[in-house]
Amino acid sequence: MLTSTRRPGTVLSASLTCKPARGVLGFVMTCSACVILLWLFMQWAGKDDITTSDKQTAAGIVAAACVLFYLGSTWFFAFLTGHTRKLTIGEDGVRYGTACFSWLEVAQIGVGTRRGGFQVRLVMNRGWPASRWLLTDDGMSQSMAWEFLEALESQILPQFPHLKIAKLLPSVADESGSLPSAETVS
């Protein structure tokens, strides 16, 4: 069985876990805000006579440091927790993260090599970008890719005859030992 889901009519279920790179910048921003606040506290700790303009300047610096701390800690927390995009391909369409594509919007679906494995590739009828890679953590092996394409032909293609499915060519993989190329079959 290709999927590990319990939902009937689902051809493929997978996920992609991401950690945004801005988390490192968030950590630096948070540390910078702490240093700025500490510096400001050290500057004002020993002063007895503080003018109104000094208080306004200090309030502006504190406000900027608080915004810097908030943004930095939010980005750093996003880096620590990450987020997951779930891919579900079934009879109702394709769901990838928050994006949903009905089969009427999809012109072609296939499997190609990307990130060290076979990944799903959609070509939309219209819109930008018209071609989308639906990346997952592990991808698929060659046998899983064949099984996925066969499941698409048997479950999805009869309901949506306009859909084109990119087929893997077995002769290319068998002769050269490299990953197969794709041929479009409707």
N, C-alpha and C. Protein backbone atom coordinates (compact mmCIF):
# COMPACT_ATOMS: atom_id res chain seq x y z
N MET A 1 0.84 -1.18 0.00
CA MET A 1 0.00 0.00 0.00
C MET A 1 0.88 1.24 0.00
N LEU A 2 0.56 2.18 -0.85
CA LEU A 2 1.37 3.37 -1.02
C LEU A 2 1.18 4.38 0.10
N THR A 3 0.00 4.47 0.64
CA THR A 3 -0.28 5.49 1.64
C THR A 3 -0.38 4.89 3.03
N SER A 4 -0.26 5.73 4.01
CA SER A 4 -0.44 5.31 5.39
C SER A 4 -1.64 6.00 6.01
N THR A 5 -2.57 6.42 5.19
CA THR A 5 -3.75 7.13 5.67
C THR A 5 -4.94 6.19 5.75
N ARG A 6 -5.89 6.55 6.56
CA ARG A 6 -7.09 5.75 6.70
C ARG A 6 -8.24 6.33 5.90
N ARG A 7 -8.01 7.41 5.21
CA ARG A 7 -9.07 8.05 4.43
C ARG A 7 -9.29 7.30 3.13
N PRO A 8 -10.52 6.88 2.85
CA PRO A 8 -10.79 6.20 1.59
C PRO A 8 -10.69 7.17 0.42
N GLY A 9 -10.21 6.71 -0.70
CA GLY A 9 -10.06 7.54 -1.88
C GLY A 9 -8.77 8.32 -1.94
N THR A 10 -7.90 8.14 -0.98
CA THR A 10 -6.62 8.85 -0.96
C THR A 10 -5.57 8.00 -1.67
N VAL A 11 -4.89 8.60 -2.62
CA VAL A 11 -3.87 7.91 -3.40
C VAL A 11 -2.51 8.06 -2.74
N LEU A 12 -2.19 9.24 -2.24
CA LEU A 12 -0.89 9.50 -1.63
C LEU A 12 -1.06 10.44 -0.44
N SER A 13 -0.34 10.14 0.61
CA SER A 13 -0.32 11.00 1.79
C SER A 13 1.12 11.09 2.28
N ALA A 14 1.62 12.31 2.40
CA ALA A 14 3.01 12.53 2.84
C ALA A 14 3.08 13.92 3.46
N SER A 15 4.26 14.30 3.94
CA SER A 15 4.42 15.61 4.54
C SER A 15 5.83 16.14 4.33
N LEU A 16 5.97 17.45 4.47
CA LEU A 16 7.25 18.14 4.38
C LEU A 16 7.41 18.98 5.64
N THR A 17 8.49 18.76 6.36
CA THR A 17 8.77 19.52 7.57
C THR A 17 9.84 20.56 7.25
N CYS A 18 9.54 21.82 7.56
CA CYS A 18 10.46 22.92 7.25
C CYS A 18 10.82 23.69 8.52
N LYS A 19 12.04 24.17 8.56
CA LYS A 19 12.48 25.10 9.60
C LYS A 19 12.99 26.34 8.88
N PRO A 20 12.31 27.48 9.06
CA PRO A 20 12.71 28.68 8.33
C PRO A 20 14.10 29.17 8.75
N ALA A 21 14.86 29.61 7.78
CA ALA A 21 16.23 30.07 8.03
C ALA A 21 16.27 31.40 8.77
N ARG A 22 15.17 32.12 8.77
CA ARG A 22 15.16 33.41 9.47
C ARG A 22 15.24 33.24 10.98
N GLY A 23 15.16 32.01 11.49
CA GLY A 23 15.24 31.76 12.92
C GLY A 23 16.59 32.16 13.49
N VAL A 24 17.65 31.97 12.73
CA VAL A 24 18.98 32.37 13.18
C VAL A 24 19.04 33.89 13.30
N LEU A 25 18.48 34.58 12.33
CA LEU A 25 18.41 36.03 12.38
C LEU A 25 17.56 36.47 13.58
N GLY A 26 16.51 35.73 13.86
CA GLY A 26 15.66 36.04 15.02
C GLY A 26 16.42 35.93 16.32
N PHE A 27 17.27 34.91 16.43
CA PHE A 27 18.08 34.76 17.63
C PHE A 27 19.03 35.94 17.80
N VAL A 28 19.65 36.38 16.72
CA VAL A 28 20.56 37.52 16.76
C VAL A 28 19.79 38.80 17.13
N MET A 29 18.59 38.96 16.58
CA MET A 29 17.79 40.14 16.89
C MET A 29 17.38 40.16 18.37
N THR A 30 17.02 38.99 18.91
CA THR A 30 16.64 38.91 20.31
C THR A 30 17.81 39.24 21.21
N CYS A 31 18.97 38.71 20.90
CA CYS A 31 20.17 39.01 21.69
C CYS A 31 20.53 40.49 21.59
N SER A 32 20.39 41.06 20.40
CA SER A 32 20.68 42.49 20.23
C SER A 32 19.74 43.35 21.06
N ALA A 33 18.47 42.99 21.08
CA ALA A 33 17.50 43.75 21.88
C ALA A 33 17.85 43.67 23.36
N CYS A 34 18.26 42.51 23.82
CA CYS A 34 18.65 42.37 25.23
C CYS A 34 19.88 43.21 25.55
N VAL A 35 20.84 43.24 24.64
CA VAL A 35 22.05 44.04 24.85
C VAL A 35 21.70 45.53 24.87
N ILE A 36 20.83 45.96 23.97
CA ILE A 36 20.42 47.37 23.94
C ILE A 36 19.72 47.76 25.24
N LEU A 37 18.80 46.93 25.71
CA LEU A 37 18.10 47.23 26.96
C LEU A 37 19.05 47.23 28.15
N LEU A 38 19.98 46.29 28.17
CA LEU A 38 20.96 46.24 29.25
C LEU A 38 21.86 47.47 29.22
N TRP A 39 22.31 47.87 28.04
CA TRP A 39 23.15 49.07 27.90
C TRP A 39 22.40 50.30 28.38
N LEU A 40 21.12 50.42 27.98
CA LEU A 40 20.32 51.56 28.40
C LEU A 40 20.14 51.58 29.91
N PHE A 41 19.91 50.43 30.50
CA PHE A 41 19.76 50.36 31.95
C PHE A 41 21.06 50.76 32.65
N MET A 42 22.19 50.32 32.12
CA MET A 42 23.47 50.66 32.74
C MET A 42 23.76 52.16 32.60
N GLN A 43 23.35 52.77 31.49
CA GLN A 43 23.56 54.21 31.30
C GLN A 43 22.72 55.04 32.27
N TRP A 44 21.54 54.60 32.57
CA TRP A 44 20.62 55.37 33.37
C TRP A 44 20.65 55.00 34.85
N ALA A 45 21.32 53.94 35.21
CA ALA A 45 21.29 53.49 36.60
C ALA A 45 21.96 54.48 37.55
N GLY A 46 23.01 55.13 37.13
CA GLY A 46 23.74 56.02 38.03
C GLY A 46 23.36 57.48 37.91
N LYS A 47 22.46 57.86 37.02
CA LYS A 47 22.11 59.28 36.83
C LYS A 47 21.02 59.70 37.80
N ASP A 48 21.22 60.92 38.35
CA ASP A 48 20.22 61.48 39.25
C ASP A 48 19.37 62.53 38.54
N ASP A 49 19.99 63.31 37.67
CA ASP A 49 19.27 64.37 36.97
C ASP A 49 18.99 63.92 35.52
N ILE A 50 17.72 63.68 35.22
CA ILE A 50 17.32 63.20 33.89
C ILE A 50 16.37 64.24 33.30
N THR A 51 16.72 64.72 32.11
CA THR A 51 15.89 65.73 31.45
C THR A 51 14.75 65.05 30.68
N THR A 52 13.81 65.86 30.24
CA THR A 52 12.66 65.35 29.51
C THR A 52 13.07 64.78 28.15
N SER A 53 13.99 65.45 27.49
CA SER A 53 14.46 64.93 26.18
C SER A 53 15.19 63.60 26.35
N ASP A 54 15.92 63.44 27.45
CA ASP A 54 16.59 62.15 27.72
C ASP A 54 15.55 61.05 27.95
N LYS A 55 14.47 61.40 28.64
CA LYS A 55 13.41 60.41 28.88
C LYS A 55 12.72 60.02 27.57
N GLN A 56 12.50 60.98 26.69
CA GLN A 56 11.88 60.68 25.41
C GLN A 56 12.80 59.82 24.53
N THR A 57 14.08 60.13 24.56
CA THR A 57 15.05 59.32 23.81
C THR A 57 15.09 57.89 24.35
N ALA A 58 15.08 57.77 25.66
CA ALA A 58 15.10 56.45 26.28
C ALA A 58 13.83 55.68 25.95
N ALA A 59 12.69 56.36 25.95
CA ALA A 59 11.42 55.69 25.61
C ALA A 59 11.44 55.19 24.17
N GLY A 60 11.99 55.98 23.26
CA GLY A 60 12.11 55.54 21.86
C GLY A 60 13.03 54.34 21.72
N ILE A 61 14.15 54.35 22.43
CA ILE A 61 15.09 53.22 22.37
C ILE A 61 14.45 51.97 22.95
N VAL A 62 13.72 52.11 24.06
CA VAL A 62 13.04 50.96 24.68
C VAL A 62 11.97 50.41 23.74
N ALA A 63 11.22 51.27 23.09
CA ALA A 63 10.18 50.82 22.16
C ALA A 63 10.80 50.06 20.98
N ALA A 64 11.89 50.62 20.43
CA ALA A 64 12.56 49.93 19.32
C ALA A 64 13.14 48.59 19.77
N ALA A 65 13.72 48.54 20.96
CA ALA A 65 14.28 47.29 21.46
C ALA A 65 13.18 46.27 21.73
N CYS A 66 12.03 46.71 22.20
CA CYS A 66 10.92 45.78 22.44
C CYS A 66 10.39 45.20 21.13
N VAL A 67 10.27 46.03 20.10
CA VAL A 67 9.85 45.53 18.78
C VAL A 67 10.89 44.55 18.24
N LEU A 68 12.16 44.88 18.38
CA LEU A 68 13.23 44.00 17.94
C LEU A 68 13.18 42.67 18.70
N PHE A 69 12.93 42.74 20.00
CA PHE A 69 12.84 41.53 20.81
C PHE A 69 11.63 40.68 20.39
N TYR A 70 10.50 41.32 20.15
CA TYR A 70 9.29 40.60 19.76
C TYR A 70 9.48 39.88 18.43
N LEU A 71 9.95 40.61 17.42
CA LEU A 71 10.18 39.99 16.11
C LEU A 71 11.23 38.88 16.18
N GLY A 72 12.31 39.15 16.88
CA GLY A 72 13.37 38.16 17.00
C GLY A 72 12.92 36.91 17.71
N SER A 73 12.19 37.05 18.81
CA SER A 73 11.74 35.86 19.54
C SER A 73 10.69 35.09 18.75
N THR A 74 9.84 35.79 17.99
CA THR A 74 8.86 35.11 17.15
C THR A 74 9.55 34.30 16.06
N TRP A 75 10.51 34.89 15.38
CA TRP A 75 11.24 34.18 14.33
C TRP A 75 12.06 33.02 14.89
N PHE A 76 12.65 33.23 16.05
CA PHE A 76 13.44 32.16 16.66
C PHE A 76 12.54 31.00 17.10
N PHE A 77 11.37 31.31 17.65
CA PHE A 77 10.44 30.25 18.03
C PHE A 77 9.96 29.48 16.81
N ALA A 78 9.73 30.18 15.68
CA ALA A 78 9.33 29.50 14.45
C ALA A 78 10.44 28.56 13.98
N PHE A 79 11.68 28.95 14.19
CA PHE A 79 12.80 28.08 13.82
C PHE A 79 12.84 26.84 14.70
N LEU A 80 12.58 27.01 16.00
CA LEU A 80 12.61 25.87 16.91
C LEU A 80 11.48 24.89 16.64
N THR A 81 10.29 25.39 16.36
CA THR A 81 9.15 24.51 16.17
C THR A 81 9.00 24.04 14.73
N GLY A 82 9.36 24.87 13.77
CA GLY A 82 9.18 24.51 12.36
C GLY A 82 7.70 24.46 12.00
N HIS A 83 7.43 24.03 10.77
CA HIS A 83 6.05 23.82 10.36
C HIS A 83 6.01 22.66 9.38
N THR A 84 4.84 22.12 9.19
CA THR A 84 4.67 20.94 8.36
C THR A 84 3.65 21.23 7.27
N ARG A 85 3.99 20.86 6.06
CA ARG A 85 3.04 20.90 4.95
C ARG A 85 2.63 19.47 4.64
N LYS A 86 1.35 19.21 4.75
CA LYS A 86 0.85 17.88 4.47
C LYS A 86 0.40 17.80 3.02
N LEU A 87 0.79 16.74 2.35
CA LEU A 87 0.39 16.48 0.97
C LEU A 87 -0.61 15.34 0.98
N THR A 88 -1.77 15.58 0.41
CA THR A 88 -2.80 14.55 0.27
C THR A 88 -3.33 14.61 -1.15
N ILE A 89 -3.19 13.52 -1.86
CA ILE A 89 -3.71 13.42 -3.22
C ILE A 89 -4.79 12.36 -3.20
N GLY A 90 -5.99 12.76 -3.55
CA GLY A 90 -7.11 11.83 -3.52
C GLY A 90 -8.15 12.18 -4.57
N GLU A 91 -9.31 11.56 -4.45
CA GLU A 91 -10.37 11.76 -5.42
C GLU A 91 -10.92 13.18 -5.40
N ASP A 92 -10.81 13.87 -4.27
CA ASP A 92 -11.32 15.23 -4.18
C ASP A 92 -10.34 16.28 -4.70
N GLY A 93 -9.09 15.91 -4.95
CA GLY A 93 -8.11 16.84 -5.48
C GLY A 93 -6.78 16.70 -4.77
N VAL A 94 -5.99 17.75 -4.87
CA VAL A 94 -4.65 17.77 -4.28
C VAL A 94 -4.62 18.84 -3.20
N ARG A 95 -4.17 18.46 -2.02
CA ARG A 95 -3.98 19.41 -0.91
C ARG A 95 -2.51 19.38 -0.54
N TYR A 96 -1.91 20.57 -0.50
CA TYR A 96 -0.50 20.70 -0.14
C TYR A 96 -0.37 21.89 0.79
N GLY A 97 -0.25 21.63 2.07
CA GLY A 97 -0.24 22.71 3.05
C GLY A 97 -1.60 23.36 3.09
N THR A 98 -1.65 24.65 2.87
CA THR A 98 -2.92 25.36 2.86
C THR A 98 -3.52 25.48 1.46
N ALA A 99 -2.78 25.08 0.44
CA ALA A 99 -3.26 25.18 -0.94
C ALA A 99 -4.09 23.95 -1.30
N CYS A 100 -5.18 24.19 -1.97
CA CYS A 100 -6.05 23.10 -2.45
C CYS A 100 -6.25 23.28 -3.95
N PHE A 101 -6.05 22.20 -4.69
CA PHE A 101 -6.22 22.22 -6.14
C PHE A 101 -7.23 21.14 -6.51
N SER A 102 -8.32 21.51 -7.17
CA SER A 102 -9.26 20.52 -7.65
C SER A 102 -8.70 19.91 -8.93
N TRP A 103 -9.20 18.74 -9.29
CA TRP A 103 -8.69 18.07 -10.48
C TRP A 103 -9.03 18.85 -11.74
N LEU A 104 -10.04 19.72 -11.70
CA LEU A 104 -10.37 20.54 -12.86
C LEU A 104 -9.31 21.61 -13.12
N GLU A 105 -8.58 22.01 -12.08
CA GLU A 105 -7.51 23.00 -12.22
C GLU A 105 -6.20 22.39 -12.70
N VAL A 106 -6.04 21.09 -12.54
CA VAL A 106 -4.79 20.42 -12.85
C VAL A 106 -4.81 19.93 -14.29
N ALA A 107 -3.78 20.29 -15.06
CA ALA A 107 -3.66 19.81 -16.44
C ALA A 107 -2.86 18.51 -16.50
N GLN A 108 -1.81 18.42 -15.70
CA GLN A 108 -0.94 17.24 -15.74
C GLN A 108 -0.37 16.98 -14.36
N ILE A 109 -0.22 15.73 -14.02
CA ILE A 109 0.42 15.31 -12.78
C ILE A 109 1.42 14.23 -13.13
N GLY A 110 2.55 14.27 -12.48
CA GLY A 110 3.59 13.28 -12.75
C GLY A 110 4.55 13.18 -11.59
N VAL A 111 5.57 12.38 -11.83
CA VAL A 111 6.59 12.14 -10.82
C VAL A 111 7.93 12.40 -11.48
N GLY A 112 8.77 13.17 -10.81
CA GLY A 112 10.11 13.45 -11.31
C GLY A 112 11.11 13.38 -10.17
N THR A 113 12.37 13.47 -10.52
CA THR A 113 13.41 13.39 -9.49
C THR A 113 13.73 14.78 -8.99
N ARG A 114 13.74 14.89 -7.67
CA ARG A 114 14.04 16.16 -7.01
C ARG A 114 14.46 15.83 -5.59
N ARG A 115 15.46 16.49 -5.08
CA ARG A 115 15.94 16.32 -3.70
C ARG A 115 16.24 14.86 -3.36
N GLY A 116 16.83 14.13 -4.27
CA GLY A 116 17.29 12.78 -3.99
C GLY A 116 16.23 11.70 -4.05
N GLY A 117 15.07 11.98 -4.56
CA GLY A 117 14.02 10.97 -4.67
C GLY A 117 12.98 11.41 -5.67
N PHE A 118 11.97 10.59 -5.83
CA PHE A 118 10.88 10.94 -6.73
C PHE A 118 9.88 11.80 -5.98
N GLN A 119 9.52 12.94 -6.58
CA GLN A 119 8.58 13.88 -6.00
C GLN A 119 7.45 14.13 -6.99
N VAL A 120 6.31 14.56 -6.49
CA VAL A 120 5.14 14.83 -7.32
C VAL A 120 5.27 16.21 -7.95
N ARG A 121 4.87 16.29 -9.21
CA ARG A 121 4.93 17.56 -9.94
C ARG A 121 3.57 17.81 -10.58
N LEU A 122 3.02 18.98 -10.33
CA LEU A 122 1.74 19.38 -10.91
C LEU A 122 1.97 20.44 -11.97
N VAL A 123 1.20 20.36 -13.05
CA VAL A 123 1.14 21.43 -14.05
C VAL A 123 -0.31 21.89 -14.08
N MET A 124 -0.51 23.15 -13.79
CA MET A 124 -1.86 23.70 -13.69
C MET A 124 -2.35 24.17 -15.06
N ASN A 125 -3.67 24.26 -15.21
CA ASN A 125 -4.26 24.76 -16.45
C ASN A 125 -3.87 26.21 -16.70
N ARG A 126 -3.87 27.00 -15.64
CA ARG A 126 -3.50 28.42 -15.76
C ARG A 126 -3.02 28.90 -14.40
N GLY A 127 -2.52 30.11 -14.40
CA GLY A 127 -2.03 30.68 -13.15
C GLY A 127 -0.52 30.74 -13.14
N TRP A 128 0.00 31.36 -12.10
CA TRP A 128 1.44 31.49 -11.99
C TRP A 128 1.86 30.97 -10.65
N PRO A 129 2.83 30.18 -10.48
CA PRO A 129 3.51 29.44 -11.54
C PRO A 129 2.65 28.26 -12.00
N ALA A 130 2.73 27.96 -13.27
CA ALA A 130 1.91 26.90 -13.83
C ALA A 130 2.41 25.52 -13.42
N SER A 131 3.70 25.40 -13.14
CA SER A 131 4.29 24.13 -12.74
C SER A 131 4.72 24.22 -11.28
N ARG A 132 4.31 23.21 -10.49
CA ARG A 132 4.62 23.22 -9.05
C ARG A 132 5.18 21.87 -8.64
N TRP A 133 6.24 21.89 -7.86
CA TRP A 133 6.76 20.68 -7.24
C TRP A 133 6.13 20.57 -5.86
N LEU A 134 5.60 19.42 -5.54
CA LEU A 134 5.02 19.15 -4.23
C LEU A 134 6.01 18.28 -3.47
N LEU A 135 6.94 18.94 -2.80
CA LEU A 135 8.05 18.24 -2.15
C LEU A 135 7.61 17.62 -0.83
N THR A 136 8.18 16.46 -0.53
CA THR A 136 7.95 15.78 0.74
C THR A 136 9.30 15.45 1.37
N ASP A 137 9.29 15.04 2.62
CA ASP A 137 10.54 14.77 3.33
C ASP A 137 11.34 13.63 2.69
N ASP A 138 10.71 12.51 2.48
CA ASP A 138 11.42 11.33 2.01
C ASP A 138 11.31 11.09 0.51
N GLY A 139 10.32 11.66 -0.12
CA GLY A 139 10.10 11.38 -1.53
C GLY A 139 9.58 9.96 -1.69
N MET A 140 9.74 9.42 -2.88
CA MET A 140 9.29 8.06 -3.17
C MET A 140 10.42 7.28 -3.82
N SER A 141 10.39 5.99 -3.64
CA SER A 141 11.31 5.13 -4.38
C SER A 141 10.72 4.91 -5.77
N GLN A 142 11.47 4.26 -6.64
CA GLN A 142 10.99 4.04 -8.00
C GLN A 142 9.76 3.15 -8.00
N SER A 143 9.74 2.13 -7.16
CA SER A 143 8.57 1.25 -7.11
C SER A 143 7.35 1.99 -6.57
N MET A 144 7.56 2.85 -5.59
CA MET A 144 6.44 3.65 -5.06
C MET A 144 5.93 4.62 -6.12
N ALA A 145 6.83 5.17 -6.93
CA ALA A 145 6.42 6.09 -7.99
C ALA A 145 5.55 5.35 -9.02
N TRP A 146 5.96 4.13 -9.39
CA TRP A 146 5.15 3.34 -10.32
C TRP A 146 3.78 3.04 -9.72
N GLU A 147 3.76 2.66 -8.47
CA GLU A 147 2.50 2.34 -7.80
C GLU A 147 1.60 3.58 -7.71
N PHE A 148 2.19 4.74 -7.45
CA PHE A 148 1.44 5.98 -7.39
C PHE A 148 0.81 6.30 -8.75
N LEU A 149 1.58 6.17 -9.81
CA LEU A 149 1.06 6.46 -11.15
C LEU A 149 -0.03 5.48 -11.55
N GLU A 150 0.12 4.21 -11.18
CA GLU A 150 -0.93 3.22 -11.47
C GLU A 150 -2.20 3.53 -10.69
N ALA A 151 -2.05 3.96 -9.44
CA ALA A 151 -3.22 4.33 -8.64
C ALA A 151 -3.92 5.55 -9.23
N LEU A 152 -3.15 6.50 -9.74
CA LEU A 152 -3.75 7.66 -10.39
C LEU A 152 -4.55 7.24 -11.62
N GLU A 153 -3.99 6.32 -12.42
CA GLU A 153 -4.68 5.86 -13.62
C GLU A 153 -5.97 5.11 -13.29
N SER A 154 -5.92 4.31 -12.24
CA SER A 154 -7.10 3.49 -11.94
C SER A 154 -8.16 4.25 -11.14
N GLN A 155 -7.78 5.18 -10.27
CA GLN A 155 -8.76 5.84 -9.41
C GLN A 155 -9.16 7.24 -9.88
N ILE A 156 -8.23 7.99 -10.41
CA ILE A 156 -8.49 9.41 -10.73
C ILE A 156 -8.81 9.62 -12.20
N LEU A 157 -8.07 8.99 -13.09
CA LEU A 157 -8.22 9.23 -14.53
C LEU A 157 -9.61 8.90 -15.05
N PRO A 158 -10.29 7.84 -14.60
CA PRO A 158 -11.65 7.59 -15.11
C PRO A 158 -12.63 8.71 -14.76
N GLN A 159 -12.45 9.37 -13.64
CA GLN A 159 -13.35 10.45 -13.24
C GLN A 159 -13.01 11.78 -13.91
N PHE A 160 -11.75 11.98 -14.25
CA PHE A 160 -11.29 13.23 -14.85
C PHE A 160 -10.46 12.91 -16.10
N PRO A 161 -11.13 12.66 -17.24
CA PRO A 161 -10.40 12.25 -18.44
C PRO A 161 -9.51 13.33 -19.05
N HIS A 162 -9.70 14.59 -18.70
CA HIS A 162 -8.86 15.67 -19.23
C HIS A 162 -7.45 15.64 -18.63
N LEU A 163 -7.28 14.96 -17.52
CA LEU A 163 -6.02 14.92 -16.80
C LEU A 163 -4.98 14.10 -17.56
N LYS A 164 -3.77 14.64 -17.62
CA LYS A 164 -2.65 13.91 -18.24
C LYS A 164 -1.73 13.43 -17.14
N ILE A 165 -1.28 12.20 -17.26
CA ILE A 165 -0.39 11.61 -16.26
C ILE A 165 0.95 11.33 -16.93
N ALA A 166 2.02 11.90 -16.37
CA ALA A 166 3.36 11.68 -16.90
C ALA A 166 3.83 10.29 -16.48
N LYS A 167 4.19 9.47 -17.44
CA LYS A 167 4.62 8.10 -17.18
C LYS A 167 6.14 8.02 -17.12
N LEU A 168 6.63 7.11 -16.30
CA LEU A 168 8.06 6.83 -16.23
C LEU A 168 8.41 5.83 -17.32
N LEU A 169 9.53 6.04 -17.96
CA LEU A 169 9.98 5.11 -18.99
C LEU A 169 10.89 4.05 -18.37
N PRO A 170 10.48 2.77 -18.36
CA PRO A 170 11.29 1.75 -17.72
C PRO A 170 12.58 1.44 -18.47
N SER A 171 12.60 1.61 -19.78
CA SER A 171 13.80 1.26 -20.54
C SER A 171 14.97 2.17 -20.20
N VAL A 172 14.72 3.43 -19.89
CA VAL A 172 15.80 4.36 -19.56
C VAL A 172 16.47 3.96 -18.26
N ALA A 173 15.68 3.59 -17.26
CA ALA A 173 16.23 3.23 -15.96
C ALA A 173 16.94 1.88 -16.01
N ASP A 174 16.43 0.95 -16.83
CA ASP A 174 17.03 -0.37 -16.89
C ASP A 174 18.37 -0.37 -17.61
N GLU A 175 18.49 0.38 -18.71
CA GLU A 175 19.71 0.35 -19.52
C GLU A 175 20.85 1.15 -18.92
N SER A 176 20.58 2.37 -18.47
CA SER A 176 21.65 3.24 -18.02
C SER A 176 21.89 3.19 -16.51
N GLY A 177 20.89 2.70 -15.76
CA GLY A 177 21.02 2.66 -14.31
C GLY A 177 20.73 3.98 -13.64
N SER A 178 20.43 5.01 -14.44
CA SER A 178 20.10 6.31 -13.87
C SER A 178 18.59 6.42 -13.67
N LEU A 179 18.17 7.54 -13.15
CA LEU A 179 16.75 7.73 -12.88
C LEU A 179 16.00 7.92 -14.20
N PRO A 180 14.77 7.42 -14.28
CA PRO A 180 14.03 7.47 -15.54
C PRO A 180 13.52 8.87 -15.86
N SER A 181 13.24 9.08 -17.14
CA SER A 181 12.65 10.33 -17.58
C SER A 181 11.13 10.13 -17.67
N ALA A 182 10.43 11.16 -18.08
CA ALA A 182 8.98 11.07 -18.08
C ALA A 182 8.42 11.23 -19.49
N GLU A 183 7.28 10.59 -19.73
CA GLU A 183 6.56 10.68 -20.99
C GLU A 183 5.11 10.96 -20.64
N THR A 184 4.47 11.86 -21.34
CA THR A 184 3.11 12.23 -21.00
C THR A 184 2.14 11.31 -21.72
N VAL A 185 1.20 10.74 -20.94
CA VAL A 185 0.18 9.88 -21.47
C VAL A 185 -1.16 10.38 -20.95
N SER A 186 -2.13 10.50 -21.82
CA SER A 186 -3.45 10.95 -21.36
C SER A 186 -4.42 9.80 -21.29
